[in-house]
Amino acid sequence: MKRLKKYIEPNFRSSAVITIDTQCDTLEGQPFEIPGTSAALPNIKMILDAYRQNRMLIVHIVRIYKKDGSNVDLCRKEAVENGAEILLEGSSGFELATGMFHNNVNLDSGLLLSGGIQEISNNEVAIYKPRWGAFYNTPLESYLNKLSVDTLVFVGCNFPNYQNINL
């Protein structure tokens, strides 16, 4: 077991924290509320602040639905076609939860939807994921490899694929 430990033990000096789906529309009382997300924000911010203080990498993974609905997940497509405005590009709901930051952060939906990486601040970026996986068809893996990141810390909420949308 001791030999295996050197391969699987986290190395926080070369780690990145990845936030998943912590966007305004997923917060308590919002159109796509994911229970527990709002309550988790203080703990998420505490971890993010530790990474910021130590100048370590933070990557925010976000979902953004185009206004024409062309990239909406099939399980939500009908709801969006019927007027549900969830994670809609250009809306306040697709923005990152303000409780994670000291200042206001605005996402660039055009850059993100085109596959770009948006720099939020030093060592902090946002990346759009076109489907449920943060590594599927995104620049995340190559970005982490370029920066020699070998340990990932995930925080945020699970984008529940079973949740009903209340209109």
N, C-alpha and C. Protein backbone atom coordinates (compact mmCIF):
# COMPACT_ATOMS: atom_id res chain seq x y z
N MET A 1 0.82 -1.19 0.00
CA MET A 1 0.00 0.00 0.00
C MET A 1 0.87 1.26 0.00
N LYS A 2 1.99 1.21 0.68
CA LYS A 2 2.86 2.38 0.75
C LYS A 2 3.35 2.79 -0.63
N ARG A 3 3.66 1.82 -1.49
CA ARG A 3 4.13 2.13 -2.85
C ARG A 3 3.02 2.78 -3.66
N LEU A 4 1.79 2.34 -3.49
CA LEU A 4 0.66 2.89 -4.21
C LEU A 4 0.35 4.32 -3.78
N LYS A 5 0.58 4.62 -2.51
CA LYS A 5 0.24 5.92 -1.95
C LYS A 5 0.90 7.07 -2.71
N LYS A 6 2.12 6.88 -3.16
CA LYS A 6 2.81 7.97 -3.84
C LYS A 6 2.13 8.33 -5.17
N TYR A 7 1.34 7.42 -5.72
CA TYR A 7 0.65 7.69 -6.98
C TYR A 7 -0.74 8.28 -6.80
N ILE A 8 -1.34 8.04 -5.65
CA ILE A 8 -2.73 8.47 -5.47
C ILE A 8 -2.91 9.57 -4.43
N GLU A 9 -1.88 9.90 -3.70
CA GLU A 9 -1.99 10.94 -2.68
C GLU A 9 -2.11 12.31 -3.36
N PRO A 10 -3.06 13.15 -2.91
CA PRO A 10 -3.23 14.48 -3.50
C PRO A 10 -1.98 15.33 -3.34
N ASN A 11 -1.70 16.13 -4.33
CA ASN A 11 -0.59 17.07 -4.29
C ASN A 11 -1.19 18.47 -4.43
N PHE A 12 -1.48 19.11 -3.32
CA PHE A 12 -2.19 20.37 -3.35
C PHE A 12 -1.36 21.51 -3.96
N ARG A 13 -0.05 21.37 -3.99
CA ARG A 13 0.79 22.41 -4.62
C ARG A 13 0.54 22.48 -6.12
N SER A 14 0.16 21.36 -6.72
CA SER A 14 -0.12 21.36 -8.16
C SER A 14 -1.58 20.99 -8.42
N SER A 15 -2.46 21.53 -7.59
CA SER A 15 -3.88 21.23 -7.71
C SER A 15 -4.65 22.41 -8.29
N ALA A 16 -5.86 22.13 -8.67
CA ALA A 16 -6.81 23.16 -9.10
C ALA A 16 -8.14 22.84 -8.45
N VAL A 17 -8.89 23.88 -8.12
CA VAL A 17 -10.24 23.66 -7.63
C VAL A 17 -11.18 23.93 -8.81
N ILE A 18 -12.15 23.03 -8.98
CA ILE A 18 -13.11 23.12 -10.07
C ILE A 18 -14.49 23.32 -9.46
N THR A 19 -15.15 24.42 -9.82
CA THR A 19 -16.53 24.61 -9.37
C THR A 19 -17.45 24.09 -10.48
N ILE A 20 -18.51 23.43 -10.07
CA ILE A 20 -19.45 22.85 -11.02
C ILE A 20 -20.83 23.47 -10.83
N ASP A 21 -21.34 24.07 -11.90
CA ASP A 21 -22.73 24.53 -11.97
C ASP A 21 -23.18 25.39 -10.80
N THR A 22 -22.32 26.23 -10.28
CA THR A 22 -22.72 27.14 -9.20
C THR A 22 -23.07 28.48 -9.83
N GLN A 23 -24.24 28.49 -10.46
CA GLN A 23 -24.72 29.65 -11.18
C GLN A 23 -25.99 30.19 -10.53
N CYS A 24 -26.30 31.42 -10.80
CA CYS A 24 -27.42 32.10 -10.13
C CYS A 24 -28.75 31.35 -10.26
N ASP A 25 -29.05 30.80 -11.43
CA ASP A 25 -30.32 30.09 -11.61
C ASP A 25 -30.43 28.82 -10.77
N THR A 26 -29.31 28.33 -10.21
CA THR A 26 -29.35 27.10 -9.41
C THR A 26 -29.51 27.39 -7.92
N LEU A 27 -29.57 28.66 -7.55
CA LEU A 27 -29.66 29.03 -6.14
C LEU A 27 -31.09 28.96 -5.62
N GLU A 28 -31.22 28.98 -4.32
CA GLU A 28 -32.52 28.88 -3.66
C GLU A 28 -33.49 29.94 -4.18
N GLY A 29 -34.68 29.49 -4.54
CA GLY A 29 -35.73 30.38 -5.00
C GLY A 29 -35.64 30.77 -6.47
N GLN A 30 -34.65 30.24 -7.17
CA GLN A 30 -34.48 30.58 -8.58
C GLN A 30 -35.13 29.51 -9.47
N PRO A 31 -35.28 29.80 -10.76
CA PRO A 31 -36.04 28.91 -11.63
C PRO A 31 -35.49 27.49 -11.75
N PHE A 32 -34.20 27.32 -11.52
CA PHE A 32 -33.61 25.99 -11.64
C PHE A 32 -32.89 25.63 -10.35
N GLU A 33 -33.56 25.90 -9.24
CA GLU A 33 -32.97 25.68 -7.92
C GLU A 33 -32.49 24.24 -7.76
N ILE A 34 -31.26 24.12 -7.30
CA ILE A 34 -30.71 22.81 -6.93
C ILE A 34 -30.56 22.84 -5.41
N PRO A 35 -31.39 22.07 -4.70
CA PRO A 35 -31.38 22.12 -3.25
C PRO A 35 -29.98 21.94 -2.66
N GLY A 36 -29.64 22.82 -1.74
CA GLY A 36 -28.37 22.74 -1.03
C GLY A 36 -27.29 23.64 -1.59
N THR A 37 -27.47 24.13 -2.82
CA THR A 37 -26.43 24.96 -3.44
C THR A 37 -26.22 26.25 -2.65
N SER A 38 -27.29 26.94 -2.33
CA SER A 38 -27.16 28.20 -1.59
C SER A 38 -26.52 27.98 -0.23
N ALA A 39 -26.91 26.91 0.43
CA ALA A 39 -26.34 26.61 1.75
C ALA A 39 -24.85 26.27 1.66
N ALA A 40 -24.42 25.73 0.53
CA ALA A 40 -23.01 25.35 0.37
C ALA A 40 -22.11 26.53 0.00
N LEU A 41 -22.68 27.65 -0.45
CA LEU A 41 -21.87 28.77 -0.93
C LEU A 41 -20.82 29.27 0.07
N PRO A 42 -21.13 29.44 1.36
CA PRO A 42 -20.08 29.91 2.28
C PRO A 42 -18.87 28.96 2.33
N ASN A 43 -19.12 27.67 2.31
CA ASN A 43 -18.01 26.70 2.32
C ASN A 43 -17.25 26.71 1.00
N ILE A 44 -17.97 26.86 -0.10
CA ILE A 44 -17.32 26.95 -1.40
C ILE A 44 -16.43 28.18 -1.43
N LYS A 45 -16.94 29.31 -0.96
CA LYS A 45 -16.16 30.55 -0.96
C LYS A 45 -14.92 30.42 -0.08
N MET A 46 -15.04 29.73 1.03
CA MET A 46 -13.89 29.52 1.91
C MET A 46 -12.78 28.77 1.17
N ILE A 47 -13.13 27.74 0.43
CA ILE A 47 -12.14 26.99 -0.34
C ILE A 47 -11.56 27.86 -1.45
N LEU A 48 -12.43 28.58 -2.16
CA LEU A 48 -11.96 29.46 -3.24
C LEU A 48 -11.02 30.53 -2.71
N ASP A 49 -11.37 31.12 -1.57
CA ASP A 49 -10.51 32.15 -0.99
C ASP A 49 -9.14 31.59 -0.60
N ALA A 50 -9.10 30.37 -0.11
CA ALA A 50 -7.81 29.75 0.21
C ALA A 50 -6.98 29.57 -1.05
N TYR A 51 -7.61 29.14 -2.13
CA TYR A 51 -6.89 29.00 -3.40
C TYR A 51 -6.45 30.36 -3.93
N ARG A 52 -7.33 31.36 -3.83
CA ARG A 52 -6.95 32.70 -4.28
C ARG A 52 -5.77 33.24 -3.48
N GLN A 53 -5.83 33.07 -2.17
CA GLN A 53 -4.75 33.57 -1.30
C GLN A 53 -3.41 32.92 -1.65
N ASN A 54 -3.45 31.66 -2.03
CA ASN A 54 -2.23 30.93 -2.36
C ASN A 54 -1.90 30.96 -3.85
N ARG A 55 -2.62 31.79 -4.59
CA ARG A 55 -2.41 31.97 -6.04
C ARG A 55 -2.45 30.64 -6.78
N MET A 56 -3.45 29.85 -6.44
CA MET A 56 -3.62 28.54 -7.07
C MET A 56 -4.81 28.61 -8.04
N LEU A 57 -4.84 27.69 -8.96
CA LEU A 57 -5.80 27.70 -10.06
C LEU A 57 -7.23 27.38 -9.61
N ILE A 58 -8.17 28.18 -10.12
CA ILE A 58 -9.60 27.95 -9.94
C ILE A 58 -10.23 27.93 -11.33
N VAL A 59 -11.04 26.90 -11.60
CA VAL A 59 -11.75 26.80 -12.86
C VAL A 59 -13.24 26.66 -12.56
N HIS A 60 -14.04 27.58 -13.10
CA HIS A 60 -15.50 27.53 -12.95
C HIS A 60 -16.08 26.90 -14.21
N ILE A 61 -16.77 25.78 -14.04
CA ILE A 61 -17.41 25.10 -15.16
C ILE A 61 -18.88 25.51 -15.17
N VAL A 62 -19.35 25.99 -16.33
CA VAL A 62 -20.70 26.53 -16.41
C VAL A 62 -21.48 25.92 -17.57
N ARG A 63 -22.79 25.95 -17.43
CA ARG A 63 -23.71 25.62 -18.52
C ARG A 63 -24.34 26.92 -18.97
N ILE A 64 -24.53 27.05 -20.25
CA ILE A 64 -25.18 28.22 -20.82
C ILE A 64 -26.09 27.71 -21.94
N TYR A 65 -27.36 28.08 -21.89
CA TYR A 65 -28.27 27.71 -22.97
C TYR A 65 -28.41 28.88 -23.92
N LYS A 66 -28.27 28.59 -25.21
CA LYS A 66 -28.45 29.61 -26.24
C LYS A 66 -29.91 30.02 -26.32
N LYS A 67 -30.14 31.25 -26.71
CA LYS A 67 -31.51 31.77 -26.81
C LYS A 67 -32.35 30.98 -27.80
N ASP A 68 -31.72 30.42 -28.84
CA ASP A 68 -32.49 29.65 -29.82
C ASP A 68 -32.75 28.22 -29.36
N GLY A 69 -32.21 27.84 -28.20
CA GLY A 69 -32.46 26.52 -27.64
C GLY A 69 -31.68 25.39 -28.29
N SER A 70 -30.78 25.71 -29.22
CA SER A 70 -30.09 24.67 -29.99
C SER A 70 -29.15 23.81 -29.17
N ASN A 71 -28.72 24.28 -28.00
CA ASN A 71 -27.79 23.48 -27.20
C ASN A 71 -28.39 23.02 -25.88
N VAL A 72 -29.69 23.09 -25.77
CA VAL A 72 -30.37 22.67 -24.53
C VAL A 72 -30.39 21.15 -24.46
N ASP A 73 -30.12 20.61 -23.29
CA ASP A 73 -30.19 19.17 -23.09
C ASP A 73 -31.59 18.67 -23.44
N LEU A 74 -31.65 17.50 -24.04
CA LEU A 74 -32.94 16.97 -24.48
C LEU A 74 -33.95 16.85 -23.35
N CYS A 75 -33.48 16.52 -22.15
CA CYS A 75 -34.40 16.36 -21.03
C CYS A 75 -35.01 17.69 -20.58
N ARG A 76 -34.48 18.82 -21.05
CA ARG A 76 -35.00 20.14 -20.68
C ARG A 76 -35.51 20.94 -21.88
N LYS A 77 -35.34 20.39 -23.06
CA LYS A 77 -35.64 21.12 -24.29
C LYS A 77 -37.10 21.58 -24.35
N GLU A 78 -38.03 20.71 -24.02
CA GLU A 78 -39.45 21.08 -24.08
C GLU A 78 -39.76 22.22 -23.12
N ALA A 79 -39.20 22.16 -21.91
CA ALA A 79 -39.44 23.23 -20.94
C ALA A 79 -38.93 24.56 -21.45
N VAL A 80 -37.74 24.56 -22.05
CA VAL A 80 -37.16 25.80 -22.58
C VAL A 80 -37.99 26.29 -23.77
N GLU A 81 -38.42 25.36 -24.64
CA GLU A 81 -39.27 25.74 -25.77
C GLU A 81 -40.59 26.34 -25.29
N ASN A 82 -41.04 25.91 -24.12
CA ASN A 82 -42.28 26.44 -23.55
C ASN A 82 -42.08 27.69 -22.71
N GLY A 83 -40.88 28.25 -22.74
CA GLY A 83 -40.65 29.54 -22.09
C GLY A 83 -39.80 29.54 -20.85
N ALA A 84 -39.35 28.39 -20.39
CA ALA A 84 -38.48 28.36 -19.20
C ALA A 84 -37.17 29.07 -19.55
N GLU A 85 -36.83 30.07 -18.76
CA GLU A 85 -35.57 30.79 -18.99
C GLU A 85 -34.57 30.37 -17.93
N ILE A 86 -33.87 29.30 -18.20
CA ILE A 86 -32.88 28.78 -17.27
C ILE A 86 -31.50 28.81 -17.93
N LEU A 87 -30.52 29.33 -17.20
CA LEU A 87 -29.14 29.38 -17.66
C LEU A 87 -29.02 30.01 -19.05
N LEU A 88 -29.92 30.93 -19.34
CA LEU A 88 -30.02 31.56 -20.65
C LEU A 88 -28.92 32.58 -20.87
N GLU A 89 -28.22 32.45 -22.00
CA GLU A 89 -27.14 33.39 -22.33
C GLU A 89 -27.65 34.83 -22.22
N GLY A 90 -26.83 35.67 -21.63
CA GLY A 90 -27.19 37.08 -21.48
C GLY A 90 -28.09 37.40 -20.30
N SER A 91 -28.61 36.38 -19.63
CA SER A 91 -29.47 36.61 -18.47
C SER A 91 -28.62 36.66 -17.20
N SER A 92 -29.20 37.19 -16.14
CA SER A 92 -28.48 37.19 -14.86
C SER A 92 -28.39 35.78 -14.29
N GLY A 93 -29.27 34.89 -14.70
CA GLY A 93 -29.31 33.54 -14.17
C GLY A 93 -28.15 32.65 -14.57
N PHE A 94 -27.50 32.94 -15.72
CA PHE A 94 -26.39 32.08 -16.13
C PHE A 94 -25.08 32.52 -15.47
N GLU A 95 -25.08 33.67 -14.82
CA GLU A 95 -23.86 34.18 -14.17
C GLU A 95 -23.47 33.29 -12.99
N LEU A 96 -22.21 33.33 -12.63
CA LEU A 96 -21.73 32.59 -11.46
C LEU A 96 -22.34 33.18 -10.20
N ALA A 97 -22.59 32.33 -9.23
CA ALA A 97 -23.20 32.76 -7.97
C ALA A 97 -22.32 33.83 -7.32
N THR A 98 -22.92 34.96 -7.00
CA THR A 98 -22.16 36.09 -6.46
C THR A 98 -21.55 35.77 -5.10
N GLY A 99 -22.09 34.83 -4.38
CA GLY A 99 -21.57 34.47 -3.07
C GLY A 99 -20.18 33.87 -3.10
N MET A 100 -19.64 33.59 -4.28
CA MET A 100 -18.31 33.00 -4.39
C MET A 100 -17.22 34.04 -4.59
N PHE A 101 -17.60 35.31 -4.74
CA PHE A 101 -16.64 36.35 -5.12
C PHE A 101 -16.71 37.54 -4.18
N HIS A 102 -15.65 38.33 -4.21
CA HIS A 102 -15.61 39.60 -3.47
C HIS A 102 -16.14 40.73 -4.35
N ASN A 103 -15.96 40.60 -5.66
CA ASN A 103 -16.40 41.61 -6.62
C ASN A 103 -17.39 40.99 -7.60
N ASN A 104 -18.02 41.85 -8.38
CA ASN A 104 -18.95 41.39 -9.39
C ASN A 104 -18.17 40.76 -10.55
N VAL A 105 -18.63 39.61 -11.01
CA VAL A 105 -18.02 38.91 -12.14
C VAL A 105 -19.08 38.75 -13.21
N ASN A 106 -18.73 39.10 -14.45
CA ASN A 106 -19.64 38.93 -15.58
C ASN A 106 -19.04 37.96 -16.58
N LEU A 107 -19.80 36.93 -16.91
CA LEU A 107 -19.35 35.95 -17.88
C LEU A 107 -19.56 36.48 -19.29
N ASP A 108 -18.67 36.09 -20.19
CA ASP A 108 -18.75 36.44 -21.60
C ASP A 108 -19.33 35.24 -22.34
N SER A 109 -20.64 35.22 -22.55
CA SER A 109 -21.29 34.05 -23.14
C SER A 109 -20.78 33.78 -24.55
N GLY A 110 -20.49 34.81 -25.32
CA GLY A 110 -19.97 34.59 -26.68
C GLY A 110 -18.65 33.86 -26.68
N LEU A 111 -17.72 34.31 -25.85
CA LEU A 111 -16.42 33.66 -25.75
C LEU A 111 -16.56 32.23 -25.25
N LEU A 112 -17.34 32.04 -24.20
CA LEU A 112 -17.48 30.72 -23.61
C LEU A 112 -18.17 29.74 -24.55
N LEU A 113 -19.27 30.17 -25.18
CA LEU A 113 -19.99 29.29 -26.10
C LEU A 113 -19.15 28.92 -27.32
N SER A 114 -18.18 29.75 -27.67
CA SER A 114 -17.31 29.43 -28.81
C SER A 114 -16.16 28.51 -28.41
N GLY A 115 -16.12 28.10 -27.14
CA GLY A 115 -15.08 27.18 -26.69
C GLY A 115 -13.87 27.86 -26.07
N GLY A 116 -13.96 29.18 -25.89
CA GLY A 116 -12.86 29.93 -25.30
C GLY A 116 -12.82 29.78 -23.79
N ILE A 117 -11.72 30.17 -23.22
CA ILE A 117 -11.53 30.18 -21.77
C ILE A 117 -11.53 31.63 -21.32
N GLN A 118 -12.44 31.98 -20.43
CA GLN A 118 -12.53 33.36 -19.96
C GLN A 118 -11.71 33.54 -18.69
N GLU A 119 -10.76 34.47 -18.74
CA GLU A 119 -9.99 34.79 -17.55
C GLU A 119 -10.83 35.72 -16.68
N ILE A 120 -11.02 35.32 -15.43
CA ILE A 120 -11.78 36.12 -14.48
C ILE A 120 -10.84 37.00 -13.66
N SER A 121 -9.73 36.41 -13.26
CA SER A 121 -8.67 37.12 -12.56
C SER A 121 -7.43 36.24 -12.66
N ASN A 122 -6.34 36.66 -12.02
CA ASN A 122 -5.14 35.83 -12.04
C ASN A 122 -5.46 34.45 -11.47
N ASN A 123 -5.14 33.43 -12.21
CA ASN A 123 -5.33 32.04 -11.78
C ASN A 123 -6.79 31.64 -11.62
N GLU A 124 -7.72 32.35 -12.26
CA GLU A 124 -9.14 32.02 -12.14
C GLU A 124 -9.80 32.20 -13.50
N VAL A 125 -10.43 31.11 -13.99
CA VAL A 125 -11.03 31.13 -15.33
C VAL A 125 -12.40 30.47 -15.30
N ALA A 126 -13.14 30.68 -16.38
CA ALA A 126 -14.43 30.00 -16.58
C ALA A 126 -14.38 29.26 -17.90
N ILE A 127 -15.01 28.08 -17.93
CA ILE A 127 -15.09 27.24 -19.13
C ILE A 127 -16.52 26.73 -19.24
N TYR A 128 -17.05 26.80 -20.45
CA TYR A 128 -18.39 26.29 -20.76
C TYR A 128 -18.32 24.81 -21.06
N LYS A 129 -19.28 24.07 -20.54
CA LYS A 129 -19.39 22.65 -20.89
C LYS A 129 -20.68 22.45 -21.69
N PRO A 130 -20.58 21.84 -22.86
CA PRO A 130 -21.76 21.68 -23.70
C PRO A 130 -22.68 20.54 -23.27
N ARG A 131 -22.21 19.70 -22.42
CA ARG A 131 -23.03 18.60 -21.89
C ARG A 131 -22.74 18.45 -20.41
N TRP A 132 -23.12 17.32 -19.83
CA TRP A 132 -23.06 17.17 -18.38
C TRP A 132 -21.66 16.98 -17.83
N GLY A 133 -20.71 16.57 -18.63
CA GLY A 133 -19.36 16.33 -18.15
C GLY A 133 -18.44 17.51 -18.40
N ALA A 134 -17.66 17.90 -17.41
CA ALA A 134 -16.75 19.04 -17.53
C ALA A 134 -15.60 18.77 -18.50
N PHE A 135 -15.31 17.50 -18.77
CA PHE A 135 -14.21 17.16 -19.66
C PHE A 135 -14.68 16.84 -21.08
N TYR A 136 -15.99 16.67 -21.27
CA TYR A 136 -16.51 16.30 -22.58
C TYR A 136 -16.52 17.51 -23.51
N ASN A 137 -15.74 17.43 -24.59
CA ASN A 137 -15.73 18.45 -25.63
C ASN A 137 -15.47 19.86 -25.08
N THR A 138 -14.56 19.94 -24.10
CA THR A 138 -14.16 21.22 -23.52
C THR A 138 -12.64 21.33 -23.55
N PRO A 139 -12.10 22.52 -23.36
CA PRO A 139 -10.65 22.67 -23.30
C PRO A 139 -10.06 22.38 -21.92
N LEU A 140 -10.87 21.85 -20.99
CA LEU A 140 -10.42 21.69 -19.61
C LEU A 140 -9.18 20.81 -19.48
N GLU A 141 -9.20 19.63 -20.06
CA GLU A 141 -8.07 18.71 -19.89
C GLU A 141 -6.77 19.30 -20.43
N SER A 142 -6.80 19.85 -21.63
CA SER A 142 -5.57 20.41 -22.19
C SER A 142 -5.10 21.62 -21.39
N TYR A 143 -6.03 22.41 -20.87
CA TYR A 143 -5.67 23.57 -20.05
C TYR A 143 -4.97 23.12 -18.77
N LEU A 144 -5.53 22.11 -18.09
CA LEU A 144 -4.93 21.60 -16.86
C LEU A 144 -3.57 20.97 -17.14
N ASN A 145 -3.46 20.22 -18.22
CA ASN A 145 -2.17 19.60 -18.59
C ASN A 145 -1.12 20.66 -18.87
N LYS A 146 -1.50 21.72 -19.57
CA LYS A 146 -0.56 22.80 -19.90
C LYS A 146 0.01 23.43 -18.63
N LEU A 147 -0.79 23.47 -17.57
CA LEU A 147 -0.37 24.07 -16.31
C LEU A 147 0.18 23.05 -15.32
N SER A 148 0.36 21.81 -15.75
CA SER A 148 0.90 20.71 -14.94
C SER A 148 0.09 20.44 -13.67
N VAL A 149 -1.22 20.58 -13.79
CA VAL A 149 -2.12 20.27 -12.67
C VAL A 149 -2.29 18.76 -12.61
N ASP A 150 -2.07 18.18 -11.42
CA ASP A 150 -2.23 16.73 -11.29
C ASP A 150 -3.21 16.31 -10.19
N THR A 151 -3.80 17.30 -9.51
CA THR A 151 -4.78 17.01 -8.46
C THR A 151 -5.95 17.96 -8.62
N LEU A 152 -7.17 17.40 -8.59
CA LEU A 152 -8.37 18.23 -8.74
C LEU A 152 -9.22 18.17 -7.48
N VAL A 153 -9.73 19.33 -7.09
CA VAL A 153 -10.65 19.45 -5.96
C VAL A 153 -11.96 19.97 -6.55
N PHE A 154 -13.03 19.21 -6.42
CA PHE A 154 -14.32 19.61 -6.98
C PHE A 154 -15.23 20.16 -5.89
N VAL A 155 -15.85 21.30 -6.20
CA VAL A 155 -16.86 21.89 -5.32
C VAL A 155 -18.00 22.36 -6.19
N GLY A 156 -19.15 22.56 -5.57
CA GLY A 156 -20.30 23.07 -6.32
C GLY A 156 -21.51 22.21 -6.10
N CYS A 157 -22.29 22.12 -7.14
CA CYS A 157 -23.51 21.34 -7.02
C CYS A 157 -23.63 20.41 -8.21
N ASN A 158 -24.41 19.42 -8.07
CA ASN A 158 -24.66 18.49 -9.15
C ASN A 158 -25.80 19.03 -9.98
N PHE A 159 -25.61 19.12 -11.26
CA PHE A 159 -26.65 19.57 -12.17
C PHE A 159 -27.61 18.39 -12.33
N PRO A 160 -28.69 18.35 -11.56
CA PRO A 160 -29.51 17.14 -11.50
C PRO A 160 -30.29 16.92 -12.80
N ASN A 161 -30.10 15.81 -13.37
CA ASN A 161 -30.74 15.51 -14.64
C ASN A 161 -32.16 15.00 -14.48
N TYR A 162 -32.58 14.84 -13.27
CA TYR A 162 -33.91 14.32 -13.00
C TYR A 162 -34.89 15.41 -12.57
N GLN A 163 -34.38 16.59 -12.28
CA GLN A 163 -35.19 17.65 -11.68
C GLN A 163 -36.24 18.18 -12.63
N ASN A 164 -37.45 18.40 -12.11
CA ASN A 164 -38.50 19.05 -12.88
C ASN A 164 -38.31 20.55 -12.80
N ILE A 165 -38.72 21.22 -13.82
CA ILE A 165 -38.64 22.66 -13.85
C ILE A 165 -40.03 23.21 -13.58
N ASN A 166 -40.14 24.05 -12.57
CA ASN A 166 -41.42 24.67 -12.25
C ASN A 166 -41.55 25.97 -13.01
N LEU A 167 -42.58 26.08 -13.80
CA LEU A 167 -42.79 27.31 -14.58
C LEU A 167 -43.79 28.21 -13.90
